[in-house]
Amino acid sequence: MPTTRRRTAHAFTLVLGGVPTPASREEFLPIAEAIVGAGRNDASPARQGGRILVSYRRRSQSLGAAVGSAIRDIQGLGFRVASVQMDDEVEPVQVR
């Protein structure tokens, strides 16, 4: 029987830094499209309270690996991550 690795869906939000908060939806759309268009379907960008947030629900063997890969994705687009906010949701998933 093949071995399986246990992967968990980790929920967290990256707060972007160094990006002026768009005043309108039209100004926000290019940022959101760049993040979503990077090929990751687990990123949900939003603007809230003068900040740009990107919420994730990413499957990985560890929380550190999930957050690290999301940060690399954002940095690869030319954005800077100011902080990480942790969500409490966790869903175990079996992957073969």
PDB file of N, CA and C in Angstrom:
ATOM      1  N   MET A   1       0.838  -1.169   0.000  1.00  0.00           N
ATOM      2  CA  MET A   1       0.000   0.000   0.000  1.00  0.00           C
ATOM      3  C   MET A   1       0.895   1.249   0.000  1.00  0.00           C
ATOM      4  N   PRO A   2       0.625   2.217  -0.900  1.00  0.00           N
ATOM      5  CA  PRO A   2       1.477   3.402  -0.949  1.00  0.00           C
ATOM      6  C   PRO A   2       1.293   4.258   0.301  1.00  0.00           C
ATOM      7  N   THR A   3       2.390   4.907   0.691  1.00  0.00           N
ATOM      8  CA  THR A   3       2.301   5.791   1.847  1.00  0.00           C
ATOM      9  C   THR A   3       1.596   7.083   1.456  1.00  0.00           C
ATOM     10  N   THR A   4       0.900   7.644   2.417  1.00  0.00           N
ATOM     11  CA  THR A   4       0.216   8.912   2.179  1.00  0.00           C
ATOM     12  C   THR A   4       0.809   9.967   3.088  1.00  0.00           C
ATOM     13  N   ARG A   5       0.818  11.188   2.610  1.00  0.00           N
ATOM     14  CA  ARG A   5       1.284  12.314   3.402  1.00  0.00           C
ATOM     15  C   ARG A   5       0.057  13.086   3.860  1.00  0.00           C
ATOM     16  N   ARG A   6       0.047  13.451   5.107  1.00  0.00           N
ATOM     17  CA  ARG A   6      -1.081  14.205   5.646  1.00  0.00           C
ATOM     18  C   ARG A   6      -0.830  15.687   5.380  1.00  0.00           C
ATOM     19  N   ARG A   7      -1.754  16.296   4.660  1.00  0.00           N
ATOM     20  CA  ARG A   7      -1.682  17.729   4.387  1.00  0.00           C
ATOM     21  C   ARG A   7      -2.895  18.388   5.004  1.00  0.00           C
ATOM     22  N   THR A   8      -2.697  19.564   5.517  1.00  0.00           N
ATOM     23  CA  THR A   8      -3.752  20.298   6.205  1.00  0.00           C
ATOM     24  C   THR A   8      -3.992  21.613   5.493  1.00  0.00           C
ATOM     25  N   ALA A   9      -5.244  22.045   5.472  1.00  0.00           N
ATOM     26  CA  ALA A   9      -5.575  23.352   4.907  1.00  0.00           C
ATOM     27  C   ALA A   9      -5.385  24.391   6.005  1.00  0.00           C
ATOM     28  N   HIS A  10      -4.457  25.305   5.789  1.00  0.00           N
ATOM     29  CA  HIS A  10      -4.145  26.350   6.753  1.00  0.00           C
ATOM     30  C   HIS A  10      -4.766  27.656   6.280  1.00  0.00           C
ATOM     31  N   ALA A  11      -5.473  28.335   7.171  1.00  0.00           N
ATOM     32  CA  ALA A  11      -6.121  29.607   6.839  1.00  0.00           C
ATOM     33  C   ALA A  11      -5.346  30.746   7.498  1.00  0.00           C
ATOM     34  N   PHE A  12      -4.965  31.728   6.693  1.00  0.00           N
ATOM     35  CA  PHE A  12      -4.212  32.876   7.190  1.00  0.00           C
ATOM     36  C   PHE A  12      -4.367  34.029   6.203  1.00  0.00           C
ATOM     37  N   THR A  13      -3.980  35.223   6.650  1.00  0.00           N
ATOM     38  CA  THR A  13      -4.087  36.416   5.816  1.00  0.00           C
ATOM     39  C   THR A  13      -2.759  37.151   5.820  1.00  0.00           C
ATOM     40  N   LEU A  14      -2.295  37.528   4.634  1.00  0.00           N
ATOM     41  CA  LEU A  14      -1.106  38.355   4.505  1.00  0.00           C
ATOM     42  C   LEU A  14      -1.546  39.808   4.386  1.00  0.00           C
ATOM     43  N   VAL A  15      -0.898  40.684   5.137  1.00  0.00           N
ATOM     44  CA  VAL A  15      -1.147  42.119   5.047  1.00  0.00           C
ATOM     45  C   VAL A  15      -0.004  42.699   4.228  1.00  0.00           C
ATOM     46  N   LEU A  16      -0.345  43.342   3.110  1.00  0.00           N
ATOM     47  CA  LEU A  16       0.685  43.902   2.252  1.00  0.00           C
ATOM     48  C   LEU A  16       1.178  45.227   2.810  1.00  0.00           C
ATOM     49  N   GLY A  17       2.448  45.503   2.593  1.00  0.00           N
ATOM     50  CA  GLY A  17       3.050  46.756   3.039  1.00  0.00           C
ATOM     51  C   GLY A  17       3.660  47.481   1.857  1.00  0.00           C
ATOM     52  N   GLY A  18       3.785  48.782   1.992  1.00  0.00           N
ATOM     53  CA  GLY A  18       4.417  49.571   0.948  1.00  0.00           C
ATOM     54  C   GLY A  18       3.570  49.762  -0.291  1.00  0.00           C
ATOM     55  N   VAL A  19       2.303  49.427  -0.197  1.00  0.00           N
ATOM     56  CA  VAL A  19       1.385  49.595  -1.322  1.00  0.00           C
ATOM     57  C   VAL A  19       0.338  50.623  -0.903  1.00  0.00           C
ATOM     58  N   PRO A  20       0.261  51.754  -1.615  1.00  0.00           N
ATOM     59  CA  PRO A  20      -0.794  52.717  -1.258  1.00  0.00           C
ATOM     60  C   PRO A  20      -2.167  52.068  -1.421  1.00  0.00           C
ATOM     61  N   THR A  21      -3.030  52.272  -0.446  1.00  0.00           N
ATOM     62  CA  THR A  21      -4.362  51.688  -0.516  1.00  0.00           C
ATOM     63  C   THR A  21      -5.174  52.387  -1.593  1.00  0.00           C
ATOM     64  N   PRO A  22      -5.663  51.638  -2.556  1.00  0.00           N
ATOM     65  CA  PRO A  22      -6.476  52.234  -3.617  1.00  0.00           C
ATOM     66  C   PRO A  22      -7.741  52.862  -3.050  1.00  0.00           C
ATOM     67  N   ALA A  23      -8.064  54.054  -3.543  1.00  0.00           N
ATOM     68  CA  ALA A  23      -9.245  54.770  -3.055  1.00  0.00           C
ATOM     69  C   ALA A  23     -10.533  54.216  -3.644  1.00  0.00           C
ATOM     70  N   SER A  24     -10.441  53.570  -4.789  1.00  0.00           N
ATOM     71  CA  SER A  24     -11.654  53.081  -5.446  1.00  0.00           C
ATOM     72  C   SER A  24     -11.473  51.635  -5.883  1.00  0.00           C
ATOM     73  N   ARG A  25     -12.588  51.039  -6.216  1.00  0.00           N
ATOM     74  CA  ARG A  25     -12.570  49.655  -6.722  1.00  0.00           C
ATOM     75  C   ARG A  25     -11.763  49.566  -8.014  1.00  0.00           C
ATOM     76  N   GLU A  26     -11.893  50.587  -8.860  1.00  0.00           N
ATOM     77  CA  GLU A  26     -11.179  50.599 -10.139  1.00  0.00           C
ATOM     78  C   GLU A  26      -9.657  50.632  -9.935  1.00  0.00           C
ATOM     79  N   GLU A  27      -9.205  51.325  -8.893  1.00  0.00           N
ATOM     80  CA  GLU A  27      -7.770  51.355  -8.591  1.00  0.00           C
ATOM     81  C   GLU A  27      -7.291  50.049  -7.955  1.00  0.00           C
ATOM     82  N   PHE A  28      -8.184  49.362  -7.268  1.00  0.00           N
ATOM     83  CA  PHE A  28      -7.839  48.111  -6.602  1.00  0.00           C
ATOM     84  C   PHE A  28      -7.791  46.929  -7.576  1.00  0.00           C
ATOM     85  N   LEU A  29      -8.610  46.952  -8.609  1.00  0.00           N
ATOM     86  CA  LEU A  29      -8.718  45.811  -9.531  1.00  0.00           C
ATOM     87  C   LEU A  29      -7.386  45.349 -10.121  1.00  0.00           C
ATOM     88  N   PRO A  30      -6.480  46.228 -10.586  1.00  0.00           N
ATOM     89  CA  PRO A  30      -5.212  45.722 -11.135  1.00  0.00           C
ATOM     90  C   PRO A  30      -4.377  44.949 -10.108  1.00  0.00           C
ATOM     91  N   ILE A  31      -4.423  45.387  -8.852  1.00  0.00           N
ATOM     92  CA  ILE A  31      -3.691  44.669  -7.796  1.00  0.00           C
ATOM     93  C   ILE A  31      -4.319  43.296  -7.569  1.00  0.00           C
ATOM     94  N   ALA A  32      -5.640  43.272  -7.437  1.00  0.00           N
ATOM     95  CA  ALA A  32      -6.346  42.003  -7.222  1.00  0.00           C
ATOM     96  C   ALA A  32      -6.141  41.052  -8.393  1.00  0.00           C
ATOM     97  N   GLU A  33      -6.211  41.565  -9.598  1.00  0.00           N
ATOM     98  CA  GLU A  33      -6.029  40.719 -10.783  1.00  0.00           C
ATOM     99  C   GLU A  33      -4.615  40.169 -10.860  1.00  0.00           C
ATOM    100  N   ALA A  34      -3.616  40.951 -10.461  1.00  0.00           N
ATOM    101  CA  ALA A  34      -2.234  40.460 -10.464  1.00  0.00           C
ATOM    102  C   ALA A  34      -2.077  39.303  -9.479  1.00  0.00           C
ATOM    103  N   ILE A  35      -2.693  39.436  -8.306  1.00  0.00           N
ATOM    104  CA  ILE A  35      -2.573  38.398  -7.283  1.00  0.00           C
ATOM    105  C   ILE A  35      -3.324  37.131  -7.701  1.00  0.00           C
ATOM    106  N   VAL A  36      -4.554  37.270  -8.119  1.00  0.00           N
ATOM    107  CA  VAL A  36      -5.356  36.111  -8.520  1.00  0.00           C
ATOM    108  C   VAL A  36      -4.839  35.520  -9.832  1.00  0.00           C
ATOM    109  N   GLY A  37      -4.368  36.362 -10.722  1.00  0.00           N
ATOM    110  CA  GLY A  37      -3.887  35.911 -12.023  1.00  0.00           C
ATOM    111  C   GLY A  37      -2.544  35.222 -11.986  1.00  0.00           C
ATOM    112  N   ALA A  38      -1.931  35.145 -10.803  1.00  0.00           N
ATOM    113  CA  ALA A  38      -0.621  34.503 -10.678  1.00  0.00           C
ATOM    114  C   ALA A  38      -0.730  32.982 -10.689  1.00  0.00           C
ATOM    115  N   GLY A  39      -1.926  32.452 -10.912  1.00  0.00           N
ATOM    116  CA  GLY A  39      -2.094  31.011 -11.016  1.00  0.00           C
ATOM    117  C   GLY A  39      -2.454  30.318  -9.718  1.00  0.00           C
ATOM    118  N   ARG A  40      -2.671  31.088  -8.665  1.00  0.00           N
ATOM    119  CA  ARG A  40      -3.050  30.507  -7.381  1.00  0.00           C
ATOM    120  C   ARG A  40      -4.522  30.771  -7.146  1.00  0.00           C
ATOM    121  N   ASN A  41      -5.299  29.715  -7.009  1.00  0.00           N
ATOM    122  CA  ASN A  41      -6.733  29.886  -6.802  1.00  0.00           C
ATOM    123  C   ASN A  41      -7.107  29.916  -5.325  1.00  0.00           C
ATOM    124  N   ASP A  42      -6.109  29.957  -4.439  1.00  0.00           N
ATOM    125  CA  ASP A  42      -6.394  29.983  -3.007  1.00  0.00           C
ATOM    126  C   ASP A  42      -6.190  31.366  -2.386  1.00  0.00           C
ATOM    127  N   ALA A  43      -5.955  32.395  -3.204  1.00  0.00           N
ATOM    128  CA  ALA A  43      -5.743  33.754  -2.714  1.00  0.00           C
ATOM    129  C   ALA A  43      -6.985  34.596  -2.943  1.00  0.00           C
ATOM    130  N   SER A  44      -7.383  35.343  -1.907  1.00  0.00           N
ATOM    131  CA  SER A  44      -8.546  36.232  -1.994  1.00  0.00           C
ATOM    132  C   SER A  44      -8.137  37.625  -1.529  1.00  0.00           C
ATOM    133  N   PRO A  45      -7.798  38.510  -2.475  1.00  0.00           N
ATOM    134  CA  PRO A  45      -7.397  39.862  -2.088  1.00  0.00           C
ATOM    135  C   PRO A  45      -8.595  40.732  -1.720  1.00  0.00           C
ATOM    136  N   ALA A  46      -8.350  41.668  -0.793  1.00  0.00           N
ATOM    137  CA  ALA A  46      -9.390  42.610  -0.359  1.00  0.00           C
ATOM    138  C   ALA A  46      -8.710  43.874   0.146  1.00  0.00           C
ATOM    139  N   ARG A  47      -9.469  44.959   0.200  1.00  0.00           N
ATOM    140  CA  ARG A  47      -8.963  46.179   0.835  1.00  0.00           C
ATOM    141  C   ARG A  47      -9.872  46.480   2.013  1.00  0.00           C
ATOM    142  N   GLN A  48      -9.217  46.797   3.138  1.00  0.00           N
ATOM    143  CA  GLN A  48      -9.986  46.981   4.362  1.00  0.00           C
ATOM    144  C   GLN A  48      -9.197  47.885   5.308  1.00  0.00           C
ATOM    145  N   GLY A  49      -9.852  48.901   5.823  1.00  0.00           N
ATOM    146  CA  GLY A  49      -9.237  49.763   6.823  1.00  0.00           C
ATOM    147  C   GLY A  49      -7.925  50.378   6.386  1.00  0.00           C
ATOM    148  N   GLY A  50      -7.816  50.755   5.138  1.00  0.00           N
ATOM    149  CA  GLY A  50      -6.585  51.366   4.647  1.00  0.00           C
ATOM    150  C   GLY A  50      -5.465  50.387   4.343  1.00  0.00           C
ATOM    151  N   ARG A  51      -5.781  49.094   4.340  1.00  0.00           N
ATOM    152  CA  ARG A  51      -4.764  48.069   4.059  1.00  0.00           C
ATOM    153  C   ARG A  51      -5.230  47.152   2.942  1.00  0.00           C
ATOM    154  N   ILE A  52      -4.269  46.510   2.306  1.00  0.00           N
ATOM    155  CA  ILE A  52      -4.582  45.466   1.326  1.00  0.00           C
ATOM    156  C   ILE A  52      -4.283  44.132   1.989  1.00  0.00           C
ATOM    157  N   LEU A  53      -5.293  43.271   2.018  1.00  0.00           N
ATOM    158  CA  LEU A  53      -5.190  41.955   2.643  1.00  0.00           C
ATOM    159  C   LEU A  53      -5.323  40.874   1.581  1.00  0.00           C
ATOM    160  N   VAL A  54      -4.597  39.781   1.773  1.00  0.00           N
ATOM    161  CA  VAL A  54      -4.736  38.627   0.885  1.00  0.00           C
ATOM    162  C   VAL A  54      -4.950  37.411   1.781  1.00  0.00           C
ATOM    163  N   SER A  55      -6.174  36.896   1.769  1.00  0.00           N
ATOM    164  CA  SER A  55      -6.523  35.729   2.588  1.00  0.00           C
ATOM    165  C   SER A  55      -6.242  34.452   1.807  1.00  0.00           C
ATOM    166  N   TYR A  56      -5.746  33.467   2.520  1.00  0.00           N
ATOM    167  CA  TYR A  56      -5.396  32.174   1.920  1.00  0.00           C
ATOM    168  C   TYR A  56      -6.035  31.049   2.707  1.00  0.00           C
ATOM    169  N   ARG A  57      -6.262  29.967   2.019  1.00  0.00           N
ATOM    170  CA  ARG A  57      -6.593  28.673   2.598  1.00  0.00           C
ATOM    171  C   ARG A  57      -5.747  27.690   1.802  1.00  0.00           C
ATOM    172  N   ARG A  58      -4.531  27.468   2.288  1.00  0.00           N
ATOM    173  CA  ARG A  58      -3.528  26.727   1.525  1.00  0.00           C
ATOM    174  C   ARG A  58      -3.218  25.401   2.184  1.00  0.00           C
ATOM    175  N   ARG A  59      -3.226  24.344   1.392  1.00  0.00           N
ATOM    176  CA  ARG A  59      -2.907  22.995   1.890  1.00  0.00           C
ATOM    177  C   ARG A  59      -1.400  22.795   1.868  1.00  0.00           C
ATOM    178  N   SER A  60      -0.901  22.284   2.972  1.00  0.00           N
ATOM    179  CA  SER A  60       0.524  22.015   3.085  1.00  0.00           C
ATOM    180  C   SER A  60       0.748  21.077   4.262  1.00  0.00           C
ATOM    181  N   GLN A  61       1.930  20.489   4.328  1.00  0.00           N
ATOM    182  CA  GLN A  61       2.251  19.600   5.441  1.00  0.00           C
ATOM    183  C   GLN A  61       2.478  20.371   6.728  1.00  0.00           C
ATOM    184  N   SER A  62       2.783  21.672   6.626  1.00  0.00           N
ATOM    185  CA  SER A  62       2.984  22.471   7.832  1.00  0.00           C
ATOM    186  C   SER A  62       2.497  23.897   7.597  1.00  0.00           C
ATOM    187  N   LEU A  63       2.177  24.569   8.686  1.00  0.00           N
ATOM    188  CA  LEU A  63       1.765  25.966   8.607  1.00  0.00           C
ATOM    189  C   LEU A  63       2.899  26.818   8.061  1.00  0.00           C
ATOM    190  N   GLY A  64       4.105  26.569   8.513  1.00  0.00           N
ATOM    191  CA  GLY A  64       5.259  27.335   8.048  1.00  0.00           C
ATOM    192  C   GLY A  64       5.460  27.232   6.545  1.00  0.00           C
ATOM    193  N   ALA A  65       5.300  26.028   6.016  1.00  0.00           N
ATOM    194  CA  ALA A  65       5.450  25.841   4.565  1.00  0.00           C
ATOM    195  C   ALA A  65       4.342  26.566   3.809  1.00  0.00           C
ATOM    196  N   ALA A  66       3.126  26.543   4.335  1.00  0.00           N
ATOM    197  CA  ALA A  66       1.996  27.214   3.678  1.00  0.00           C
ATOM    198  C   ALA A  66       2.206  28.719   3.644  1.00  0.00           C
ATOM    199  N   VAL A  67       2.560  29.296   4.798  1.00  0.00           N
ATOM    200  CA  VAL A  67       2.769  30.743   4.865  1.00  0.00           C
ATOM    201  C   VAL A  67       3.986  31.138   4.029  1.00  0.00           C
ATOM    202  N   GLY A  68       5.050  30.374   4.134  1.00  0.00           N
ATOM    203  CA  GLY A  68       6.263  30.684   3.360  1.00  0.00           C
ATOM    204  C   GLY A  68       6.022  30.689   1.863  1.00  0.00           C
ATOM    205  N   SER A  69       5.269  29.728   1.373  1.00  0.00           N
ATOM    206  CA  SER A  69       5.014  29.692  -0.077  1.00  0.00           C
ATOM    207  C   SER A  69       4.114  30.844  -0.512  1.00  0.00           C
ATOM    208  N   ALA A  70       3.166  31.236   0.336  1.00  0.00           N
ATOM    209  CA  ALA A  70       2.303  32.378   0.005  1.00  0.00           C
ATOM    210  C   ALA A  70       3.114  33.676  -0.019  1.00  0.00           C
ATOM    211  N   ILE A  71       4.009  33.842   0.942  1.00  0.00           N
ATOM    212  CA  ILE A  71       4.864  35.032   0.962  1.00  0.00           C
ATOM    213  C   ILE A  71       5.736  35.080  -0.287  1.00  0.00           C
ATOM    214  N   ARG A  72       6.316  33.954  -0.668  1.00  0.00           N
ATOM    215  CA  ARG A  72       7.136  33.921  -1.896  1.00  0.00           C
ATOM    216  C   ARG A  72       6.306  34.278  -3.125  1.00  0.00           C
ATOM    217  N   ASP A  73       5.062  33.795  -3.174  1.00  0.00           N
ATOM    218  CA  ASP A  73       4.181  34.130  -4.298  1.00  0.00           C
ATOM    219  C   ASP A  73       3.958  35.639  -4.374  1.00  0.00           C
ATOM    220  N   ILE A  74       3.662  36.263  -3.230  1.00  0.00           N
ATOM    221  CA  ILE A  74       3.394  37.705  -3.197  1.00  0.00           C
ATOM    222  C   ILE A  74       4.657  38.493  -3.549  1.00  0.00           C
ATOM    223  N   GLN A  75       5.792  38.103  -2.981  1.00  0.00           N
ATOM    224  CA  GLN A  75       7.038  38.795  -3.277  1.00  0.00           C
ATOM    225  C   GLN A  75       7.409  38.650  -4.746  1.00  0.00           C
ATOM    226  N   GLY A  76       7.100  37.520  -5.340  1.00  0.00           N
ATOM    227  CA  GLY A  76       7.372  37.296  -6.756  1.00  0.00           C
ATOM    228  C   GLY A  76       6.584  38.233  -7.660  1.00  0.00           C
ATOM    229  N   LEU A  77       5.501  38.784  -7.139  1.00  0.00           N
ATOM    230  CA  LEU A  77       4.698  39.750  -7.891  1.00  0.00           C
ATOM    231  C   LEU A  77       5.166  41.178  -7.659  1.00  0.00           C
ATOM    232  N   GLY A  78       6.180  41.347  -6.795  1.00  0.00           N
ATOM    233  CA  GLY A  78       6.716  42.676  -6.527  1.00  0.00           C
ATOM    234  C   GLY A  78       6.099  43.374  -5.334  1.00  0.00           C
ATOM    235  N   PHE A  79       5.290  42.655  -4.552  1.00  0.00           N
ATOM    236  CA  PHE A  79       4.684  43.234  -3.356  1.00  0.00           C
ATOM    237  C   PHE A  79       5.496  42.829  -2.133  1.00  0.00           C
ATOM    238  N   ARG A  80       5.318  43.593  -1.054  1.00  0.00           N
ATOM    239  CA  ARG A  80       5.985  43.293   0.216  1.00  0.00           C
ATOM    240  C   ARG A  80       4.930  42.886   1.234  1.00  0.00           C
ATOM    241  N   VAL A  81       5.252  41.891   2.054  1.00  0.00           N
ATOM    242  CA  VAL A  81       4.345  41.442   3.116  1.00  0.00           C
ATOM    243  C   VAL A  81       4.753  42.132   4.410  1.00  0.00           C
ATOM    244  N   ALA A  82       3.805  42.871   5.011  1.00  0.00           N
ATOM    245  CA  ALA A  82       4.076  43.583   6.260  1.00  0.00           C
ATOM    246  C   ALA A  82       3.832  42.697   7.473  1.00  0.00           C
ATOM    247  N   SER A  83       2.804  41.843   7.401  1.00  0.00           N
ATOM    248  CA  SER A  83       2.509  40.962   8.532  1.00  0.00           C
ATOM    249  C   SER A  83       1.620  39.806   8.091  1.00  0.00           C
ATOM    250  N   VAL A  84       1.505  38.834   8.988  1.00  0.00           N
ATOM    251  CA  VAL A  84       0.666  37.655   8.766  1.00  0.00           C
ATOM    252  C   VAL A  84      -0.342  37.588   9.903  1.00  0.00           C
ATOM    253  N   GLN A  85      -1.603  37.428   9.556  1.00  0.00           N
ATOM    254  CA  GLN A  85      -2.661  37.247  10.553  1.00  0.00           C
ATOM    255  C   GLN A  85      -3.128  35.807  10.468  1.00  0.00           C
ATOM    256  N   MET A  86      -3.206  35.162  11.620  1.00  0.00           N
ATOM    257  CA  MET A  86      -3.594  33.754  11.637  1.00  0.00           C
ATOM    258  C   MET A  86      -5.094  33.612  11.833  1.00  0.00           C
ATOM    259  N   ASP A  87      -5.677  32.679  11.092  1.00  0.00           N
ATOM    260  CA  ASP A  87      -7.075  32.307  11.249  1.00  0.00           C
ATOM    261  C   ASP A  87      -7.103  30.979  11.991  1.00  0.00           C
ATOM    262  N   ASP A  88      -8.213  30.661  12.613  1.00  0.00           N
ATOM    263  CA  ASP A  88      -8.306  29.454  13.427  1.00  0.00           C
ATOM    264  C   ASP A  88      -8.739  28.203  12.677  1.00  0.00           C
ATOM    265  N   GLU A  89      -9.219  28.352  11.455  1.00  0.00           N
ATOM    266  CA  GLU A  89      -9.743  27.195  10.728  1.00  0.00           C
ATOM    267  C   GLU A  89      -8.628  26.246  10.308  1.00  0.00           C
ATOM    268  N   VAL A  90      -8.830  24.972  10.539  1.00  0.00           N
ATOM    269  CA  VAL A  90      -7.898  23.935  10.099  1.00  0.00           C
ATOM    270  C   VAL A  90      -8.723  22.743   9.651  1.00  0.00           C
ATOM    271  N   GLU A  91      -8.394  22.213   8.486  1.00  0.00           N
ATOM    272  CA  GLU A  91      -9.136  21.069   7.938  1.00  0.00           C
ATOM    273  C   GLU A  91      -8.135  20.021   7.483  1.00  0.00           C
ATOM    274  N   PRO A  92      -8.036  18.866   8.163  1.00  0.00           N
ATOM    275  CA  PRO A  92      -7.118  17.825   7.717  1.00  0.00           C
ATOM    276  C   PRO A  92      -7.574  17.211   6.399  1.00  0.00           C
ATOM    277  N   VAL A  93      -6.628  16.942   5.528  1.00  0.00           N
ATOM    278  CA  VAL A  93      -6.927  16.373   4.216  1.00  0.00           C
ATOM    279  C   VAL A  93      -5.922  15.268   3.941  1.00  0.00           C
ATOM    280  N   GLN A  94      -6.375  14.135   3.465  1.00  0.00           N
ATOM    281  CA  GLN A  94      -5.483  13.046   3.070  1.00  0.00           C
ATOM    282  C   GLN A  94      -5.128  13.212   1.602  1.00  0.00           C
ATOM    283  N   VAL A  95      -3.823  13.143   1.299  1.00  0.00           N
ATOM    284  CA  VAL A  95      -3.353  13.258  -0.071  1.00  0.00           C
ATOM    285  C   VAL A  95      -2.489  12.043  -0.376  1.00  0.00           C
ATOM    286  N   ARG A  96      -2.713  11.455  -1.535  1.00  0.00           N
ATOM    287  CA  ARG A  96      -1.902  10.283  -1.933  1.00  0.00           C
ATOM    288  C   ARG A  96      -0.916  10.683  -2.979  1.00  0.00           C
TER     289      ARG A  96
END
